[in-house]
Amino acid sequence: MTTTAADADAEANAANKSTLEQLKKRLLSSELNDGFAEEDDDDNEALTAAMEKASKEHNVNAATAALAGAASPDAAASAGMAAIAATAPLSGKQERVQLYDSKRMSRVSFNSWYEFDSYFEMYMQETFQPFRMRSSCSVEAYRRNQQKVMMNNKNSRGRRIEFPDAAIHHHRIYMCTHAMKARCRGATTRPGQKYRGIGCIAKINVKISPSDNPSKYMVIVTDQVVTHNHPISRDIYESYPDVLLKTMRRNQLNASMIARQPSPKFETASQTQKYERVMGVLNNVAEAMARLSDEEFEIHFGQLQKIYAGSLTDNAQV
């Protein structure tokens, strides 16, 4: 019968486990403490060095040999712990964080912040990236900073760049909604505290640049990092509260626009009342017909067309 490498590894692991169990029993036994002789500190230091070397090399036999020569209970305890650590898996290699790359912005220059905001909103919806504006600097604050620099540095005089007040912001920094790390302010963790703050590195830097026209400005995307440390998908993106709110507002606006279609103007109040009565009935009929099967719907719809075909033709001629 041939012995394979896997069988040899299994036997070695079993032997290591058996050795560890014996070491643990010896550490817990009271007889171990009575059999030690007093040794100098130099011997204990040598034993500690031998155990550290055995632990780094994951050598159970070396750790066991050092334990056998232990001269004090403390040294024996250290030897036993090193022997146990010798068979433990390597912990120096940390788990690699999985990263998720997304599509970069294809356009990086805009004529205004409004144009950038419109494009950036569509970009987030198409790529499912939840960016939020984390920092910004107004044009007014930028001017104050430039004045301080010019007063403190004579060489910078005459190099001041002016931007129109309509620009509002001089620069913005957009970061992923998961960029911040959770800060624990108490002994317990609040619900949802680990949901957002996971230290995502994705960010977008945008600033304005002077234009040929003094009253105009250009918005330039200066930096793009679109690598996330969390999954990105349509379902995840649409589950964020702010995205849900925007979707609800958009759907509500569309529904209100459909419901508020302009009604025709009539000559008398009686005609208006008749119109409202008929529309009330037809709305109910339309809702009921929409729930029918395809064949039943076509039959009822054809009957309605035949009934009102004459009146519709007369109104069209008028």
Protein backbone atom coordinates (compact mmCIF):
# COMPACT_ATOMS: atom_id res chain seq x y z
CA MET A 1 0.00 0.00 0.00
CA THR A 2 1.49 3.32 -1.10
CA THR A 3 1.33 6.41 1.06
CA THR A 4 0.37 9.62 -0.71
CA ALA A 5 1.33 13.17 0.24
CA ALA A 6 -2.19 13.82 1.50
CA ASP A 7 -2.01 10.79 3.81
CA ALA A 8 1.35 11.96 5.13
CA ASP A 9 -0.03 15.42 5.85
CA ALA A 10 -3.02 13.91 7.64
CA GLU A 11 -0.76 11.77 9.82
CA ALA A 12 1.42 14.78 10.62
CA ASN A 13 -1.60 16.85 11.61
CA ALA A 14 -2.87 14.04 13.83
CA ALA A 15 0.52 13.80 15.50
CA ASN A 16 0.61 17.53 16.05
CA LYS A 17 -2.83 17.47 17.66
CA SER A 18 -1.78 14.64 19.95
CA THR A 19 1.36 16.51 20.95
CA LEU A 20 -0.63 19.64 21.71
CA GLU A 21 -3.05 17.74 23.91
CA GLN A 22 -0.14 16.36 25.90
CA LEU A 23 1.35 19.82 26.26
CA LYS A 24 -1.94 21.21 27.53
CA LYS A 25 -2.25 18.43 30.10
CA ARG A 26 1.27 19.06 31.33
CA LEU A 27 0.61 22.78 31.68
CA LEU A 28 -2.54 22.16 33.69
CA SER A 29 -1.00 19.50 35.88
CA SER A 30 0.18 20.49 39.32
CA GLU A 31 3.05 18.03 39.11
CA LEU A 32 4.66 20.24 36.51
CA ASN A 33 5.16 23.07 38.99
CA ASP A 34 6.85 20.83 41.57
CA GLY A 35 9.49 19.46 39.24
CA PHE A 36 11.14 22.70 38.24
CA ALA A 37 14.54 23.68 39.49
CA GLU A 38 15.61 27.23 40.00
CA GLU A 39 17.61 28.55 37.06
CA ASP A 40 19.15 31.89 36.20
CA ASP A 41 17.42 34.53 34.15
CA ASP A 42 19.82 33.84 31.30
CA ASP A 43 18.43 30.33 30.94
CA ASN A 44 14.87 31.65 30.87
CA GLU A 45 15.79 34.20 28.22
CA ALA A 46 17.40 31.48 26.12
CA LEU A 47 14.28 29.36 26.50
CA THR A 48 12.04 32.25 25.44
CA ALA A 49 14.20 32.88 22.36
CA ALA A 50 14.05 29.20 21.44
CA MET A 51 10.27 29.18 21.80
CA GLU A 52 9.85 32.31 19.68
CA LYS A 53 11.95 30.72 16.94
CA ALA A 54 9.91 27.52 17.11
CA SER A 55 6.69 29.52 16.94
CA LYS A 56 7.82 31.48 13.88
CA GLU A 57 8.92 28.29 12.13
CA HIS A 58 5.74 26.48 13.19
CA ASN A 59 7.90 23.63 14.45
CA VAL A 60 6.02 21.59 17.04
CA ASN A 61 8.98 19.34 17.77
CA ALA A 62 11.22 22.30 18.61
CA ALA A 63 8.56 23.77 20.88
CA THR A 64 8.13 20.42 22.63
CA ALA A 65 11.88 20.10 23.16
CA ALA A 66 12.04 23.59 24.62
CA LEU A 67 9.16 22.74 26.93
CA ALA A 68 11.00 19.67 28.17
CA GLY A 69 13.94 21.86 29.17
CA ALA A 70 11.85 24.54 30.86
CA ALA A 71 13.30 25.64 34.17
CA SER A 72 10.33 27.52 35.65
CA PRO A 73 6.52 27.40 35.55
CA ASP A 74 6.36 30.70 33.65
CA ALA A 75 8.81 29.44 31.07
CA ALA A 76 6.81 26.24 30.69
CA ALA A 77 3.62 28.22 30.16
CA SER A 78 5.31 30.30 27.48
CA ALA A 79 6.63 27.15 25.86
CA GLY A 80 3.19 25.57 25.83
CA MET A 81 1.57 28.63 24.30
CA ALA A 82 4.26 28.77 21.62
CA ALA A 83 3.73 25.10 20.82
CA ILE A 84 0.01 25.69 20.44
CA ALA A 85 0.67 28.69 18.21
CA ALA A 86 3.08 26.61 16.13
CA THR A 87 0.24 24.56 14.68
CA ALA A 88 -2.09 27.52 14.18
CA PRO A 89 -2.53 28.82 10.62
CA LEU A 90 -0.55 31.84 9.55
CA SER A 91 -2.35 35.00 10.61
CA GLY A 92 -0.04 37.51 8.94
CA LYS A 93 -1.95 37.35 5.67
CA GLN A 94 -5.06 39.45 5.96
CA GLU A 95 -8.11 38.75 3.88
CA ARG A 96 -8.05 40.74 0.68
CA VAL A 97 -10.98 43.14 0.38
CA GLN A 98 -12.97 42.58 -2.79
CA LEU A 99 -13.21 45.68 -4.94
CA TYR A 100 -15.86 46.58 -7.51
CA ASP A 101 -14.92 48.80 -10.46
CA SER A 102 -17.49 50.97 -12.15
CA LYS A 103 -17.68 53.05 -15.32
CA ARG A 104 -15.88 56.39 -15.35
CA MET A 105 -17.48 59.63 -16.46
CA SER A 106 -17.02 59.99 -20.21
CA ARG A 107 -17.55 63.75 -20.07
CA VAL A 108 -15.33 65.92 -17.85
CA SER A 109 -16.10 69.54 -18.85
CA PHE A 110 -19.37 71.45 -18.54
CA ASN A 111 -20.58 74.98 -19.14
CA SER A 112 -22.28 75.38 -15.74
CA TRP A 113 -23.00 73.64 -12.47
CA TYR A 114 -26.57 73.04 -13.62
CA GLU A 115 -25.31 71.18 -16.67
CA PHE A 116 -22.94 69.14 -14.51
CA ASP A 117 -25.67 68.30 -11.97
CA SER A 118 -27.98 67.04 -14.71
CA TYR A 119 -25.27 64.88 -16.23
CA PHE A 120 -24.02 63.62 -12.85
CA GLU A 121 -27.52 62.58 -11.79
CA MET A 122 -27.95 60.52 -14.96
CA TYR A 123 -24.45 59.10 -14.51
CA MET A 124 -25.27 57.82 -11.01
CA GLN A 125 -28.53 56.28 -12.21
CA GLU A 126 -26.83 54.50 -15.10
CA THR A 127 -23.86 53.20 -13.09
CA PHE A 128 -25.74 52.67 -9.77
CA GLN A 129 -23.13 54.61 -7.77
CA PRO A 130 -24.45 56.43 -4.67
CA PHE A 131 -22.28 59.57 -4.61
CA ARG A 132 -23.00 62.40 -2.16
CA MET A 133 -21.48 65.88 -1.94
CA ARG A 134 -19.32 65.76 1.20
CA SER A 135 -17.43 69.03 0.89
CA SER A 136 -17.61 72.29 -1.06
CA CYS A 137 -16.11 75.77 -1.16
CA SER A 138 -18.08 78.82 -2.24
CA VAL A 139 -16.73 81.43 -4.62
CA GLU A 140 -16.91 84.02 -1.84
CA ALA A 141 -14.80 81.87 0.50
CA TYR A 142 -12.33 81.27 -2.30
CA ARG A 143 -11.98 85.03 -2.81
CA ARG A 144 -11.29 85.59 0.89
CA ASN A 145 -8.62 82.91 0.87
CA GLN A 146 -7.02 84.44 -2.22
CA GLN A 147 -6.93 87.86 -0.55
CA LYS A 148 -5.16 86.41 2.49
CA VAL A 149 -2.62 84.70 0.25
CA MET A 150 -1.96 87.90 -1.69
CA MET A 151 -1.47 89.91 1.51
CA ASN A 152 0.97 87.37 2.96
CA ASN A 153 2.83 86.64 -0.26
CA LYS A 154 3.95 89.58 -2.38
CA ASN A 155 4.93 87.35 -5.29
CA SER A 156 1.30 86.26 -5.75
CA ARG A 157 -0.01 89.78 -6.38
CA GLY A 158 -1.54 90.34 -9.77
CA ARG A 159 -2.31 86.64 -10.26
CA ARG A 160 -5.78 86.62 -8.75
CA ILE A 161 -8.39 84.71 -10.75
CA GLU A 162 -11.91 86.09 -10.71
CA PHE A 163 -15.05 83.99 -11.02
CA PRO A 164 -18.63 85.24 -11.46
CA ASP A 165 -21.04 85.16 -8.53
CA ALA A 166 -23.33 82.89 -10.54
CA ALA A 167 -20.83 80.08 -10.10
CA ILE A 168 -21.80 79.77 -6.39
CA HIS A 169 -19.27 76.96 -5.72
CA HIS A 170 -15.58 77.03 -6.53
CA HIS A 171 -15.10 73.29 -6.03
CA ARG A 172 -16.97 70.24 -4.79
CA ILE A 173 -15.95 66.84 -3.50
CA TYR A 174 -18.36 63.96 -4.05
CA MET A 175 -17.77 60.79 -2.06
CA CYS A 176 -19.54 57.46 -1.93
CA THR A 177 -22.28 57.26 0.67
CA HIS A 178 -20.27 54.44 2.29
CA ALA A 179 -17.08 56.52 2.51
CA MET A 180 -17.18 57.45 6.18
CA LYS A 181 -16.38 54.99 8.93
CA ALA A 182 -18.82 54.34 11.75
CA ARG A 183 -17.99 56.19 14.96
CA CYS A 184 -19.06 54.48 18.15
CA ARG A 185 -20.21 57.09 20.68
CA GLY A 186 -21.25 54.61 23.34
CA ALA A 187 -20.91 51.09 24.62
CA THR A 188 -23.50 49.71 22.20
CA THR A 189 -23.97 49.93 18.45
CA ARG A 190 -26.94 51.79 17.07
CA PRO A 191 -29.17 50.02 14.54
CA GLY A 192 -27.93 50.62 11.02
CA GLN A 193 -24.61 52.08 12.20
CA LYS A 194 -22.63 49.57 10.14
CA TYR A 195 -24.81 50.07 7.08
CA ARG A 196 -23.21 53.16 5.57
CA GLY A 197 -19.78 53.76 7.06
CA ILE A 198 -17.46 51.10 5.63
CA GLY A 199 -14.63 53.32 4.36
CA CYS A 200 -15.30 53.26 0.61
CA ILE A 201 -12.62 55.12 -1.38
CA ALA A 202 -14.74 56.17 -4.38
CA LYS A 203 -14.85 59.93 -4.94
CA ILE A 204 -15.26 62.62 -7.62
CA ASN A 205 -13.46 66.00 -7.47
CA VAL A 206 -14.93 68.90 -9.45
CA LYS A 207 -13.85 72.55 -9.68
CA ILE A 208 -14.53 75.59 -11.84
CA SER A 209 -12.08 77.03 -14.32
CA PRO A 210 -11.99 80.51 -15.89
CA SER A 211 -13.53 80.93 -19.32
CA ASP A 212 -12.74 83.27 -22.20
CA ASN A 213 -15.80 85.26 -21.24
CA PRO A 214 -15.36 86.90 -17.79
CA SER A 215 -19.05 86.34 -17.01
CA LYS A 216 -18.78 82.62 -17.80
CA TYR A 217 -16.99 79.70 -16.20
CA MET A 218 -16.24 76.05 -16.92
CA VAL A 219 -16.84 73.10 -14.61
CA ILE A 220 -14.00 70.57 -14.82
CA VAL A 221 -13.85 67.06 -13.32
CA THR A 222 -10.31 66.87 -11.95
CA ASP A 223 -10.26 63.42 -10.33
CA GLN A 224 -12.30 60.23 -10.58
CA VAL A 225 -12.04 57.19 -8.31
CA VAL A 226 -14.85 54.78 -9.18
CA THR A 227 -13.62 51.69 -7.32
CA HIS A 228 -15.89 50.64 -4.44
CA ASN A 229 -15.36 48.17 -1.61
CA HIS A 230 -19.00 47.06 -1.70
CA PRO A 231 -21.29 45.57 -4.37
CA ILE A 232 -23.09 47.96 -6.72
CA SER A 233 -26.26 47.01 -8.58
CA ARG A 234 -29.63 48.41 -9.60
CA ASP A 235 -31.48 46.79 -6.69
CA ILE A 236 -29.01 48.12 -4.12
CA TYR A 237 -28.99 51.61 -5.64
CA GLU A 238 -32.78 51.88 -5.75
CA SER A 239 -33.03 50.82 -2.09
CA TYR A 240 -31.24 53.93 -0.74
CA PRO A 241 -33.73 56.26 1.02
CA ASP A 242 -32.83 59.39 -0.95
CA VAL A 243 -33.09 57.53 -4.26
CA LEU A 244 -36.45 56.11 -3.22
CA LEU A 245 -37.65 59.60 -2.31
CA LYS A 246 -36.63 60.97 -5.71
CA THR A 247 -38.38 58.10 -7.46
CA MET A 248 -41.57 58.60 -5.45
CA ARG A 249 -41.60 62.34 -6.16
CA ARG A 250 -41.01 61.73 -9.86
CA ASN A 251 -43.81 59.13 -10.05
CA GLN A 252 -46.16 61.39 -8.09
CA LEU A 253 -45.43 64.28 -10.44
CA ASN A 254 -46.09 62.13 -13.49
CA ALA A 255 -49.37 60.88 -12.01
CA SER A 256 -50.51 64.40 -11.19
CA MET A 257 -49.69 65.58 -14.71
CA ILE A 258 -51.68 62.72 -16.21
CA ALA A 259 -54.63 63.35 -13.91
CA ARG A 260 -54.63 67.08 -14.66
CA GLN A 261 -55.16 66.90 -18.39
CA PRO A 262 -56.91 70.05 -19.61
CA SER A 263 -60.65 69.49 -19.97
CA PRO A 264 -62.50 70.88 -23.01
CA LYS A 265 -64.31 74.19 -22.67
CA PHE A 266 -68.09 74.17 -23.05
CA GLU A 267 -70.53 76.95 -23.78
CA THR A 268 -72.92 76.22 -20.92
CA ALA A 269 -72.67 74.82 -17.41
CA SER A 270 -75.06 72.03 -18.37
CA GLN A 271 -72.59 70.74 -20.95
CA THR A 272 -69.82 70.78 -18.36
CA GLN A 273 -71.93 68.76 -15.92
CA LYS A 274 -72.77 66.22 -18.63
CA TYR A 275 -69.09 65.91 -19.48
CA GLU A 276 -68.13 65.28 -15.85
CA ARG A 277 -70.88 62.66 -15.43
CA VAL A 278 -69.84 60.80 -18.57
CA MET A 279 -66.14 60.94 -17.63
CA GLY A 280 -66.93 59.50 -14.22
CA VAL A 281 -68.71 56.57 -15.81
CA LEU A 282 -66.11 56.06 -18.53
CA ASN A 283 -63.27 56.04 -16.02
CA ASN A 284 -64.95 53.19 -14.15
CA VAL A 285 -65.67 51.39 -17.43
CA ALA A 286 -62.07 51.82 -18.57
CA GLU A 287 -60.75 50.44 -15.28
CA ALA A 288 -63.08 47.42 -15.48
CA MET A 289 -62.21 46.76 -19.13
CA ALA A 290 -58.49 46.91 -18.41
CA ARG A 291 -58.87 43.91 -16.09
CA LEU A 292 -60.55 41.76 -18.77
CA SER A 293 -58.79 39.17 -20.89
CA ASP A 294 -57.54 40.16 -24.32
CA GLU A 295 -60.45 38.55 -26.16
CA GLU A 296 -63.13 40.03 -23.87
CA PHE A 297 -61.48 43.44 -24.05
CA GLU A 298 -61.51 43.47 -27.85
CA ILE A 299 -65.21 42.48 -27.91
CA HIS A 300 -66.31 45.20 -25.45
CA PHE A 301 -64.07 47.80 -27.04
CA GLY A 302 -65.56 47.06 -30.47
CA GLN A 303 -69.08 47.45 -29.05
CA LEU A 304 -68.19 50.84 -27.57
CA GLN A 305 -66.81 52.00 -30.89
CA LYS A 306 -70.01 50.94 -32.69
CA ILE A 307 -72.26 52.68 -30.16
CA TYR A 308 -70.44 56.02 -30.28
CA ALA A 309 -69.22 55.87 -33.90
CA GLY A 310 -72.06 58.08 -35.14
CA SER A 311 -71.66 60.78 -32.49
CA LEU A 312 -67.88 60.83 -32.92
CA THR A 313 -68.26 61.26 -36.70
CA ASP A 314 -70.72 64.14 -36.28
CA ASN A 315 -68.44 65.92 -33.79
CA ALA A 316 -65.49 65.50 -36.14
CA GLN A 317 -67.42 67.07 -39.02
CA VAL A 318 -68.49 70.02 -36.87
